[in-house]
Amino acid sequence: MNKKENFINSLSINRYLNNDLKSLDLEECLDLFNTLRSQCFLIDENNLYFDCIDFETVEYYLQKLFSIESFYDFSKVYIECLLQGENILEKEFTLFHSDEKMTVGQLLQPFVIVGNGMTLGDCLPILTALEAQKTLIEITKNNRIPERK
């Protein structure tokens, strides 16, 4: 088993899914956040971050920056942009209530994917979910675990 497969297997969200993440097909991987939402997982604020921007505000920024309807549509846009050579997590923008600049990755950092009965330690950080999404697409597309470059 290589590092990428170990990474996917180590995600504790697998314990809460009917089937583990590696069983998702390509379409489900391409739209990971909506796929997980269909299995009763939600994006929520991580309680370890006290001064973070709330869900509605983050969703507003994502809608304005990427013309999407909801936070759950972000994972699909993220992959589409990566395929075009753009890592939108590094995209910088200015907060509307101040002159503070922030990257999309910084905006998303305080959020996790949670499910019913999950402990805080089992919640999947959004940025980890996006990394898992890239890995799952490689695995699914190649129908094997890709070699590390």
N, C-alpha and C. Protein backbone atom coordinates (compact mmCIF):
# COMPACT_ATOMS: atom_id res chain seq x y z
N MET A 1 0.85 -1.17 0.00
CA MET A 1 0.00 0.00 0.00
C MET A 1 0.90 1.24 0.00
N ASN A 2 0.64 2.18 -0.90
CA ASN A 2 1.50 3.37 -0.95
C ASN A 2 0.92 4.52 -0.12
N LYS A 3 1.60 5.63 -0.12
CA LYS A 3 1.23 6.77 0.73
C LYS A 3 -0.15 7.32 0.41
N LYS A 4 -0.49 7.40 -0.87
CA LYS A 4 -1.80 7.96 -1.25
C LYS A 4 -2.94 7.06 -0.77
N GLU A 5 -2.78 5.77 -0.93
CA GLU A 5 -3.81 4.86 -0.45
C GLU A 5 -3.89 4.90 1.07
N ASN A 6 -2.75 4.96 1.74
CA ASN A 6 -2.74 5.08 3.20
C ASN A 6 -3.44 6.35 3.65
N PHE A 7 -3.21 7.44 2.93
CA PHE A 7 -3.85 8.72 3.25
C PHE A 7 -5.37 8.58 3.23
N ILE A 8 -5.91 8.03 2.16
CA ILE A 8 -7.36 7.87 2.03
C ILE A 8 -7.89 6.92 3.11
N ASN A 9 -7.19 5.81 3.34
CA ASN A 9 -7.63 4.84 4.35
C ASN A 9 -7.59 5.42 5.76
N SER A 10 -6.70 6.36 6.01
CA SER A 10 -6.55 6.90 7.36
C SER A 10 -7.61 7.93 7.74
N LEU A 11 -8.38 8.41 6.78
CA LEU A 11 -9.39 9.41 7.09
C LEU A 11 -10.52 8.79 7.90
N SER A 12 -10.74 9.32 9.09
CA SER A 12 -11.72 8.72 9.99
C SER A 12 -13.15 8.83 9.47
N ILE A 13 -13.41 9.70 8.50
CA ILE A 13 -14.76 9.79 7.93
C ILE A 13 -15.20 8.46 7.33
N ASN A 14 -14.24 7.63 6.91
CA ASN A 14 -14.56 6.32 6.34
C ASN A 14 -15.41 5.48 7.30
N ARG A 15 -15.21 5.64 8.60
CA ARG A 15 -15.97 4.86 9.59
C ARG A 15 -17.44 5.24 9.60
N TYR A 16 -17.77 6.42 9.10
CA TYR A 16 -19.14 6.92 9.16
C TYR A 16 -19.89 6.78 7.83
N LEU A 17 -19.19 6.36 6.80
CA LEU A 17 -19.80 6.19 5.47
C LEU A 17 -20.33 4.77 5.32
N ASN A 18 -21.33 4.61 4.47
CA ASN A 18 -21.80 3.25 4.17
C ASN A 18 -20.71 2.45 3.49
N ASN A 19 -19.98 3.08 2.59
CA ASN A 19 -18.82 2.49 1.92
C ASN A 19 -17.69 3.49 2.04
N ASP A 20 -16.45 3.03 2.03
CA ASP A 20 -15.35 3.98 2.22
C ASP A 20 -15.20 4.89 1.00
N LEU A 21 -14.41 5.93 1.17
CA LEU A 21 -14.24 6.94 0.12
C LEU A 21 -13.74 6.35 -1.19
N LYS A 22 -12.91 5.32 -1.12
CA LYS A 22 -12.35 4.74 -2.35
C LYS A 22 -13.41 4.07 -3.21
N SER A 23 -14.60 3.84 -2.66
CA SER A 23 -15.66 3.20 -3.46
C SER A 23 -16.45 4.20 -4.30
N LEU A 24 -16.19 5.50 -4.13
CA LEU A 24 -16.90 6.51 -4.91
C LEU A 24 -16.49 6.44 -6.38
N ASP A 25 -17.47 6.67 -7.27
CA ASP A 25 -17.13 6.71 -8.69
C ASP A 25 -16.61 8.11 -9.05
N LEU A 26 -16.16 8.27 -10.28
CA LEU A 26 -15.53 9.52 -10.70
C LEU A 26 -16.46 10.72 -10.53
N GLU A 27 -17.72 10.59 -10.94
CA GLU A 27 -18.67 11.71 -10.81
C GLU A 27 -18.86 12.11 -9.35
N GLU A 28 -18.93 11.12 -8.47
CA GLU A 28 -19.08 11.42 -7.04
C GLU A 28 -17.83 12.11 -6.49
N CYS A 29 -16.67 11.71 -6.97
CA CYS A 29 -15.41 12.35 -6.54
C CYS A 29 -15.31 13.78 -7.05
N LEU A 30 -15.75 14.01 -8.28
CA LEU A 30 -15.68 15.36 -8.86
C LEU A 30 -16.52 16.37 -8.10
N ASP A 31 -17.58 15.91 -7.47
CA ASP A 31 -18.49 16.78 -6.72
C ASP A 31 -18.56 16.30 -5.27
N LEU A 32 -17.41 16.17 -4.64
CA LEU A 32 -17.30 15.50 -3.34
C LEU A 32 -18.18 16.11 -2.26
N PHE A 33 -18.23 17.43 -2.14
CA PHE A 33 -19.01 18.03 -1.06
C PHE A 33 -20.50 17.70 -1.20
N ASN A 34 -21.04 17.77 -2.41
CA ASN A 34 -22.45 17.41 -2.61
C ASN A 34 -22.67 15.92 -2.43
N THR A 35 -21.68 15.11 -2.82
CA THR A 35 -21.78 13.66 -2.61
C THR A 35 -21.88 13.36 -1.12
N LEU A 36 -21.03 13.98 -0.33
CA LEU A 36 -21.07 13.76 1.12
C LEU A 36 -22.36 14.32 1.73
N ARG A 37 -22.82 15.46 1.21
CA ARG A 37 -24.08 16.02 1.72
C ARG A 37 -25.24 15.05 1.46
N SER A 38 -25.22 14.37 0.33
CA SER A 38 -26.28 13.40 0.04
C SER A 38 -26.26 12.22 1.01
N GLN A 39 -25.14 12.05 1.72
CA GLN A 39 -25.02 11.00 2.73
C GLN A 39 -25.13 11.58 4.14
N CYS A 40 -25.75 12.76 4.25
CA CYS A 40 -26.05 13.42 5.53
C CYS A 40 -24.83 14.00 6.24
N PHE A 41 -23.80 14.37 5.48
CA PHE A 41 -22.65 15.08 6.04
C PHE A 41 -22.80 16.55 5.69
N LEU A 42 -22.43 17.41 6.61
CA LEU A 42 -22.58 18.85 6.42
C LEU A 42 -21.25 19.56 6.60
N ILE A 43 -21.13 20.72 5.98
CA ILE A 43 -19.99 21.59 6.22
C ILE A 43 -20.38 22.49 7.40
N ASP A 44 -19.48 22.58 8.36
CA ASP A 44 -19.77 23.36 9.55
C ASP A 44 -18.50 24.04 10.06
N GLU A 45 -18.69 24.98 10.95
CA GLU A 45 -17.56 25.68 11.56
C GLU A 45 -16.87 24.73 12.55
N ASN A 46 -15.55 24.74 12.55
CA ASN A 46 -14.77 23.96 13.50
C ASN A 46 -14.77 24.73 14.82
N ASN A 47 -15.23 24.11 15.87
CA ASN A 47 -15.34 24.79 17.17
C ASN A 47 -13.99 25.18 17.77
N LEU A 48 -12.90 24.71 17.19
CA LEU A 48 -11.57 25.09 17.69
C LEU A 48 -11.18 26.50 17.26
N TYR A 49 -11.88 27.04 16.28
CA TYR A 49 -11.61 28.40 15.79
C TYR A 49 -12.66 29.32 16.39
N PHE A 50 -12.22 30.26 17.21
CA PHE A 50 -13.17 31.12 17.90
C PHE A 50 -13.55 32.37 17.12
N ASP A 51 -12.62 32.91 16.37
CA ASP A 51 -12.86 34.17 15.67
C ASP A 51 -13.00 34.00 14.17
N CYS A 52 -13.52 32.87 13.75
CA CYS A 52 -13.60 32.64 12.30
C CYS A 52 -14.85 33.29 11.72
N ILE A 53 -14.84 33.43 10.44
CA ILE A 53 -15.98 33.95 9.70
C ILE A 53 -17.04 32.86 9.67
N ASP A 54 -18.30 33.23 9.84
CA ASP A 54 -19.36 32.22 9.89
C ASP A 54 -19.66 31.62 8.52
N PHE A 55 -20.41 30.53 8.52
CA PHE A 55 -20.72 29.77 7.32
C PHE A 55 -21.36 30.64 6.24
N GLU A 56 -22.34 31.43 6.63
CA GLU A 56 -23.07 32.25 5.65
C GLU A 56 -22.16 33.26 4.97
N THR A 57 -21.23 33.83 5.73
CA THR A 57 -20.30 34.80 5.16
C THR A 57 -19.34 34.13 4.19
N VAL A 58 -18.83 32.96 4.57
CA VAL A 58 -17.93 32.21 3.68
C VAL A 58 -18.68 31.84 2.40
N GLU A 59 -19.90 31.38 2.55
CA GLU A 59 -20.69 31.02 1.38
C GLU A 59 -20.90 32.23 0.48
N TYR A 60 -21.13 33.40 1.06
CA TYR A 60 -21.28 34.64 0.30
C TYR A 60 -20.02 34.91 -0.53
N TYR A 61 -18.85 34.83 0.10
CA TYR A 61 -17.59 35.07 -0.62
C TYR A 61 -17.41 34.06 -1.74
N LEU A 62 -17.69 32.80 -1.47
CA LEU A 62 -17.53 31.77 -2.51
C LEU A 62 -18.49 32.02 -3.68
N GLN A 63 -19.70 32.46 -3.37
CA GLN A 63 -20.66 32.78 -4.43
C GLN A 63 -20.16 33.94 -5.28
N LYS A 64 -19.64 34.97 -4.65
CA LYS A 64 -19.15 36.14 -5.38
C LYS A 64 -17.88 35.84 -6.17
N LEU A 65 -16.95 35.09 -5.58
CA LEU A 65 -15.67 34.81 -6.22
C LEU A 65 -15.78 33.79 -7.36
N PHE A 66 -16.69 32.81 -7.21
CA PHE A 66 -16.71 31.70 -8.16
C PHE A 66 -18.06 31.46 -8.82
N SER A 67 -19.01 32.34 -8.61
CA SER A 67 -20.35 32.23 -9.22
C SER A 67 -20.98 30.86 -8.98
N ILE A 68 -20.93 30.42 -7.73
CA ILE A 68 -21.57 29.16 -7.37
C ILE A 68 -22.76 29.45 -6.47
N GLU A 69 -23.66 28.48 -6.37
CA GLU A 69 -24.87 28.68 -5.58
C GLU A 69 -24.65 28.44 -4.09
N SER A 70 -23.77 27.48 -3.76
CA SER A 70 -23.57 27.17 -2.35
C SER A 70 -22.15 26.69 -2.08
N PHE A 71 -21.79 26.67 -0.83
CA PHE A 71 -20.50 26.19 -0.37
C PHE A 71 -20.26 24.77 -0.90
N TYR A 72 -21.32 23.98 -0.97
CA TYR A 72 -21.20 22.58 -1.39
C TYR A 72 -20.78 22.43 -2.85
N ASP A 73 -20.94 23.47 -3.65
CA ASP A 73 -20.53 23.43 -5.05
C ASP A 73 -19.05 23.74 -5.23
N PHE A 74 -18.37 24.16 -4.17
CA PHE A 74 -16.98 24.58 -4.28
C PHE A 74 -16.05 23.45 -4.70
N SER A 75 -16.26 22.24 -4.21
CA SER A 75 -15.32 21.15 -4.52
C SER A 75 -15.25 20.88 -6.03
N LYS A 76 -16.37 21.01 -6.70
CA LYS A 76 -16.38 20.79 -8.15
C LYS A 76 -15.62 21.91 -8.88
N VAL A 77 -15.82 23.15 -8.47
CA VAL A 77 -15.11 24.29 -9.06
C VAL A 77 -13.62 24.17 -8.79
N TYR A 78 -13.27 23.74 -7.59
CA TYR A 78 -11.86 23.57 -7.21
C TYR A 78 -11.16 22.62 -8.18
N ILE A 79 -11.77 21.48 -8.45
CA ILE A 79 -11.16 20.49 -9.35
C ILE A 79 -11.12 21.02 -10.78
N GLU A 80 -12.19 21.66 -11.24
CA GLU A 80 -12.20 22.22 -12.59
C GLU A 80 -11.06 23.22 -12.78
N CYS A 81 -10.84 24.05 -11.78
CA CYS A 81 -9.75 25.04 -11.87
C CYS A 81 -8.38 24.37 -11.82
N LEU A 82 -8.23 23.34 -10.99
CA LEU A 82 -6.96 22.61 -10.95
C LEU A 82 -6.63 22.01 -12.31
N LEU A 83 -7.64 21.48 -12.98
CA LEU A 83 -7.44 20.88 -14.30
C LEU A 83 -7.00 21.93 -15.33
N GLN A 84 -7.34 23.20 -15.07
CA GLN A 84 -6.92 24.29 -15.94
C GLN A 84 -5.62 24.93 -15.45
N GLY A 85 -5.01 24.33 -14.43
CA GLY A 85 -3.72 24.81 -13.93
C GLY A 85 -3.80 25.90 -12.88
N GLU A 86 -4.97 26.15 -12.32
CA GLU A 86 -5.13 27.22 -11.33
C GLU A 86 -5.52 26.63 -9.98
N ASN A 87 -4.72 26.91 -8.96
CA ASN A 87 -5.06 26.51 -7.60
C ASN A 87 -5.81 27.66 -6.94
N ILE A 88 -7.12 27.57 -6.92
CA ILE A 88 -7.93 28.69 -6.41
C ILE A 88 -7.83 28.85 -4.89
N LEU A 89 -7.23 27.89 -4.21
CA LEU A 89 -7.02 28.06 -2.77
C LEU A 89 -6.03 29.19 -2.51
N GLU A 90 -5.20 29.50 -3.50
CA GLU A 90 -4.20 30.57 -3.37
C GLU A 90 -4.73 31.92 -3.84
N LYS A 91 -5.94 31.93 -4.38
CA LYS A 91 -6.53 33.19 -4.87
C LYS A 91 -6.74 34.14 -3.70
N GLU A 92 -6.28 35.37 -3.88
CA GLU A 92 -6.37 36.37 -2.82
C GLU A 92 -7.53 37.32 -3.10
N PHE A 93 -8.20 37.75 -2.05
CA PHE A 93 -9.30 38.70 -2.17
C PHE A 93 -9.30 39.59 -0.93
N THR A 94 -10.08 40.65 -0.97
CA THR A 94 -10.18 41.59 0.15
C THR A 94 -11.51 41.39 0.86
N LEU A 95 -11.47 41.29 2.17
CA LEU A 95 -12.70 41.17 2.96
C LEU A 95 -13.52 42.44 2.82
N PHE A 96 -14.84 42.29 2.70
CA PHE A 96 -15.68 43.46 2.45
C PHE A 96 -15.81 44.37 3.67
N HIS A 97 -15.63 43.87 4.87
CA HIS A 97 -15.78 44.70 6.07
C HIS A 97 -14.47 45.33 6.55
N SER A 98 -13.38 45.05 5.82
CA SER A 98 -12.08 45.64 6.16
C SER A 98 -11.21 45.64 4.91
N ASP A 99 -10.01 46.13 5.05
CA ASP A 99 -9.07 46.10 3.92
C ASP A 99 -8.17 44.88 4.00
N GLU A 100 -8.49 43.95 4.89
CA GLU A 100 -7.66 42.76 5.08
C GLU A 100 -7.74 41.85 3.86
N LYS A 101 -6.57 41.38 3.43
CA LYS A 101 -6.51 40.43 2.32
C LYS A 101 -6.42 39.03 2.90
N MET A 102 -7.00 38.09 2.17
CA MET A 102 -7.05 36.71 2.61
C MET A 102 -7.06 35.82 1.38
N THR A 103 -6.53 34.61 1.50
CA THR A 103 -6.64 33.64 0.41
C THR A 103 -7.88 32.78 0.64
N VAL A 104 -8.34 32.15 -0.40
CA VAL A 104 -9.49 31.26 -0.29
C VAL A 104 -9.16 30.12 0.68
N GLY A 105 -7.94 29.61 0.63
CA GLY A 105 -7.53 28.56 1.56
C GLY A 105 -7.64 29.00 3.01
N GLN A 106 -7.24 30.23 3.29
CA GLN A 106 -7.37 30.76 4.65
C GLN A 106 -8.83 30.90 5.04
N LEU A 107 -9.67 31.29 4.10
CA LEU A 107 -11.09 31.44 4.35
C LEU A 107 -11.72 30.10 4.73
N LEU A 108 -11.29 29.03 4.06
CA LEU A 108 -11.89 27.72 4.28
C LEU A 108 -11.31 26.96 5.46
N GLN A 109 -10.14 27.34 5.91
CA GLN A 109 -9.43 26.58 6.94
C GLN A 109 -10.26 26.27 8.19
N PRO A 110 -11.09 27.18 8.70
CA PRO A 110 -11.82 26.87 9.93
C PRO A 110 -13.07 26.00 9.74
N PHE A 111 -13.22 25.34 8.61
CA PHE A 111 -14.43 24.56 8.36
C PHE A 111 -14.11 23.08 8.22
N VAL A 112 -15.09 22.27 8.63
CA VAL A 112 -14.95 20.81 8.61
C VAL A 112 -16.21 20.19 8.03
N ILE A 113 -16.08 18.94 7.64
CA ILE A 113 -17.24 18.14 7.24
C ILE A 113 -17.60 17.27 8.43
N VAL A 114 -18.86 17.37 8.85
CA VAL A 114 -19.32 16.65 10.03
C VAL A 114 -20.51 15.77 9.67
N GLY A 115 -20.67 14.73 10.44
CA GLY A 115 -21.82 13.84 10.28
C GLY A 115 -22.41 13.55 11.64
N ASN A 116 -23.59 13.00 11.64
CA ASN A 116 -24.28 12.68 12.87
C ASN A 116 -23.44 11.73 13.73
N GLY A 117 -23.19 12.11 14.95
CA GLY A 117 -22.44 11.26 15.87
C GLY A 117 -20.93 11.37 15.78
N MET A 118 -20.43 12.20 14.88
CA MET A 118 -18.97 12.35 14.75
C MET A 118 -18.43 13.19 15.90
N THR A 119 -17.28 12.77 16.42
CA THR A 119 -16.59 13.59 17.42
C THR A 119 -15.77 14.63 16.68
N LEU A 120 -15.35 15.66 17.38
CA LEU A 120 -14.56 16.72 16.77
C LEU A 120 -13.30 16.17 16.13
N GLY A 121 -12.69 15.18 16.75
CA GLY A 121 -11.47 14.58 16.21
C GLY A 121 -11.69 13.82 14.92
N ASP A 122 -12.91 13.38 14.67
CA ASP A 122 -13.22 12.65 13.44
C ASP A 122 -13.67 13.54 12.30
N CYS A 123 -14.04 14.77 12.60
CA CYS A 123 -14.49 15.69 11.56
C CYS A 123 -13.38 15.90 10.54
N LEU A 124 -13.76 15.97 9.28
CA LEU A 124 -12.80 16.10 8.18
C LEU A 124 -12.61 17.58 7.83
N PRO A 125 -11.41 18.12 8.09
CA PRO A 125 -11.16 19.51 7.70
C PRO A 125 -11.37 19.71 6.19
N ILE A 126 -11.95 20.83 5.82
CA ILE A 126 -12.25 21.11 4.41
C ILE A 126 -11.01 21.01 3.53
N LEU A 127 -9.89 21.57 3.98
CA LEU A 127 -8.68 21.52 3.15
C LEU A 127 -8.18 20.09 2.99
N THR A 128 -8.35 19.26 4.01
CA THR A 128 -7.99 17.84 3.89
C THR A 128 -8.95 17.14 2.94
N ALA A 129 -10.23 17.51 2.99
CA ALA A 129 -11.22 16.93 2.08
C ALA A 129 -10.87 17.24 0.63
N LEU A 130 -10.40 18.45 0.37
CA LEU A 130 -10.02 18.83 -1.00
C LEU A 130 -8.79 18.05 -1.45
N GLU A 131 -7.84 17.83 -0.56
CA GLU A 131 -6.67 17.01 -0.89
C GLU A 131 -7.09 15.57 -1.14
N ALA A 132 -8.01 15.07 -0.33
CA ALA A 132 -8.53 13.71 -0.53
C ALA A 132 -9.26 13.62 -1.87
N GLN A 133 -9.99 14.66 -2.22
CA GLN A 133 -10.71 14.68 -3.49
C GLN A 133 -9.75 14.53 -4.67
N LYS A 134 -8.65 15.28 -4.65
CA LYS A 134 -7.65 15.16 -5.73
C LYS A 134 -7.11 13.74 -5.80
N THR A 135 -6.80 13.17 -4.65
CA THR A 135 -6.25 11.82 -4.60
C THR A 135 -7.27 10.80 -5.09
N LEU A 136 -8.51 10.93 -4.67
CA LEU A 136 -9.57 10.01 -5.10
C LEU A 136 -9.78 10.06 -6.61
N ILE A 137 -9.71 11.25 -7.18
CA ILE A 137 -9.88 11.38 -8.63
C ILE A 137 -8.75 10.68 -9.35
N GLU A 138 -7.53 10.84 -8.86
CA GLU A 138 -6.39 10.13 -9.46
C GLU A 138 -6.60 8.62 -9.38
N ILE A 139 -6.99 8.15 -8.21
CA ILE A 139 -7.20 6.71 -8.01
C ILE A 139 -8.30 6.20 -8.94
N THR A 140 -9.42 6.91 -8.96
CA THR A 140 -10.57 6.48 -9.77
C THR A 140 -10.27 6.57 -11.25
N LYS A 141 -9.66 7.66 -11.67
CA LYS A 141 -9.37 7.88 -13.09
C LYS A 141 -8.38 6.85 -13.62
N ASN A 142 -7.38 6.55 -12.83
CA ASN A 142 -6.36 5.60 -13.26
C ASN A 142 -6.69 4.16 -12.86
N ASN A 143 -7.75 4.01 -12.06
CA ASN A 143 -8.18 2.69 -11.56
C ASN A 143 -7.05 1.96 -10.86
N ARG A 144 -6.14 2.74 -10.32
CA ARG A 144 -5.04 2.20 -9.52
C ARG A 144 -4.51 3.35 -8.68
N ILE A 145 -3.68 3.04 -7.74
CA ILE A 145 -3.05 4.06 -6.92
C ILE A 145 -1.88 4.63 -7.72
N PRO A 146 -1.89 5.93 -8.05
CA PRO A 146 -0.81 6.50 -8.86
C PRO A 146 0.51 6.55 -8.09
N GLU A 147 1.58 6.44 -8.83
CA GLU A 147 2.91 6.54 -8.23
C GLU A 147 3.17 7.98 -7.84
N ARG A 148 3.87 8.16 -6.75
CA ARG A 148 4.23 9.51 -6.28
C ARG A 148 5.31 10.07 -7.20
N LYS A 149 5.12 11.30 -7.64
CA LYS A 149 6.09 11.94 -8.55
C LYS A 149 7.12 12.69 -7.78
